[in-house]
Protein backbone atom coordinates (compact mmCIF):
# COMPACT_ATOMS: atom_id res chain seq x y z
CA UNK A 1 24.15 2.91 -35.54
CA UNK A 2 22.69 5.02 -32.77
CA UNK A 3 24.50 6.10 -29.63
CA UNK A 4 23.07 7.76 -26.52
CA UNK A 5 25.06 10.20 -24.42
CA UNK A 6 23.74 11.33 -21.07
CA UNK A 7 24.60 14.43 -19.10
CA UNK A 8 23.32 16.47 -16.19
CA UNK A 9 23.65 14.29 -13.12
CA UNK A 10 25.29 15.42 -9.91
CA UNK A 11 24.89 16.13 -6.21
CA UNK A 12 22.01 18.24 -4.96
CA UNK A 13 20.34 18.91 -1.64
CA UNK A 14 16.85 17.65 -0.92
CA UNK A 15 14.29 19.95 -2.48
CA UNK A 16 16.64 20.93 -5.27
CA UNK A 17 16.45 20.36 -9.01
CA UNK A 18 18.49 18.75 -11.76
CA UNK A 19 17.96 18.32 -15.48
CA UNK A 20 19.20 15.26 -17.32
CA UNK A 21 19.79 15.20 -21.05
CA UNK A 22 20.02 12.23 -23.39
CA UNK A 23 21.37 13.03 -26.83
CA UNK A 24 21.12 10.49 -29.62
CA UNK A 25 23.53 10.43 -32.54
CA UNK A 26 23.66 8.37 -35.69
CA UNK A 27 20.55 6.98 -37.41
CA UNK A 28 18.19 8.82 -35.11
CA UNK A 29 15.29 8.76 -37.57
CA UNK A 30 14.52 5.23 -36.38
CA UNK A 31 13.97 6.20 -32.72
CA UNK A 32 10.46 5.90 -31.30
CA UNK A 33 10.18 5.99 -27.52
CA UNK A 34 12.82 7.46 -25.22
CA UNK A 35 13.02 7.70 -21.47
CA UNK A 36 14.84 6.94 -18.27
CA UNK A 37 15.21 4.10 -15.83
CA UNK A 38 17.06 4.34 -12.55
CA UNK A 39 18.83 1.87 -10.30
CA UNK A 40 19.65 2.44 -6.66
CA UNK A 41 22.24 0.30 -4.83
CA UNK A 42 20.82 -3.12 -4.04
CA UNK A 43 17.60 -2.48 -5.97
CA UNK A 44 16.26 -3.44 -9.36
CA UNK A 45 16.25 -1.03 -12.25
CA UNK A 46 12.90 0.78 -12.41
CA UNK A 47 11.19 2.91 -15.02
CA UNK A 48 11.16 6.61 -14.19
CA UNK A 49 9.55 8.20 -17.25
CA UNK A 50 9.07 7.64 -20.95
CA UNK A 51 8.02 9.72 -23.94
CA UNK A 52 6.90 8.67 -27.39
CA UNK A 53 7.99 10.35 -30.61
CA UNK A 54 4.59 12.03 -30.62
CA UNK A 55 5.01 13.41 -27.10
CA UNK A 56 2.89 10.99 -25.10
CA UNK A 57 4.39 10.60 -21.62
CA UNK A 58 4.25 8.14 -18.75
CA UNK A 59 5.72 8.36 -15.27
CA UNK A 60 6.37 6.20 -12.25
CA UNK A 61 3.94 7.07 -9.48
CA UNK A 62 6.85 8.00 -7.24
CA UNK A 63 7.93 10.87 -9.52
CA UNK A 64 4.61 12.17 -10.84
CA UNK A 65 4.15 15.91 -10.24
CA UNK A 66 7.90 16.28 -9.56
CA UNK A 67 9.60 15.10 -12.76
CA UNK A 68 8.85 16.20 -16.32
CA UNK A 69 10.09 14.43 -19.42
CA UNK A 70 10.30 16.18 -22.78
CA UNK A 71 12.08 15.77 -26.08
CA UNK A 72 13.31 17.81 -28.98
CA UNK A 73 12.99 15.60 -32.04
CA UNK A 74 14.97 18.03 -34.18
CA UNK A 75 17.92 17.60 -31.82
CA UNK A 76 17.21 13.91 -31.11
CA UNK A 77 17.45 14.74 -27.44
CA UNK A 78 15.28 13.89 -24.45
CA UNK A 79 15.24 15.79 -21.19
CA UNK A 80 14.23 14.88 -17.66
CA UNK A 81 13.55 17.86 -15.42
CA UNK A 82 13.66 16.71 -11.81
CA UNK A 83 12.25 19.03 -9.15
CA UNK A 84 11.64 18.63 -5.42
CA UNK A 85 14.28 15.93 -5.30
CA UNK A 86 14.31 13.54 -2.36
CA UNK A 87 17.08 11.33 -0.96
CA UNK A 88 15.16 8.30 -2.24
CA UNK A 89 15.68 9.62 -5.78
CA UNK A 90 19.39 8.85 -5.40
CA UNK A 91 20.35 6.37 -8.11
CA UNK A 92 22.16 5.91 -11.40
CA UNK A 93 19.84 7.13 -14.14
CA UNK A 94 19.97 5.40 -17.52
CA UNK A 95 18.33 6.80 -20.60
CA UNK A 96 17.00 4.47 -23.26
CA UNK A 97 15.77 4.66 -26.84
CA UNK A 98 13.57 2.19 -28.67
CA UNK A 99 13.66 1.57 -32.39
CA UNK A 100 11.18 -0.55 -34.31
CA UNK A 101 12.45 -4.11 -34.53
CA UNK A 102 15.73 -3.31 -32.82
CA UNK A 103 17.26 -3.98 -29.42
CA UNK A 104 16.71 -1.23 -26.85
CA UNK A 105 19.61 1.21 -26.64
CA UNK A 106 20.99 2.42 -23.33
CA UNK A 107 23.01 5.43 -22.29
CA UNK A 108 26.10 5.15 -20.14
CA UNK A 109 24.26 6.15 -16.96
CA UNK A 110 24.61 9.25 -14.82
CA UNK A 111 24.74 9.43 -11.03
CA UNK A 112 22.15 11.50 -9.20
CA UNK A 113 22.78 11.95 -5.48
CA UNK A 114 20.32 13.80 -3.25
CA UNK A 115 21.56 14.70 0.22
CA UNK A 116 19.24 15.19 3.17
């Protein structure tokens, strides 16, 4: 079994920064892609950023040049560095992990609130 534990959310002023972490435990050797989605009140969950086991990244257009995703495979942990935060970035952020032939795993979610 694999579990994901998120940390790093919180309240920040516009223009500030936060770093989210997503630590996987258990049979982590099976993990391929990792990343984050976010969901704001009344809106659908949307992809924020993803990273493959080889380090290939993809980002939502709305966060390009502000957010950076990375991972430490030795620690089975992914990171999302969020800079120049805007009020519209306010949402619950959910990390995910994909394993070949298995159902996508989700973290518990962490609240990010950006005040204007």
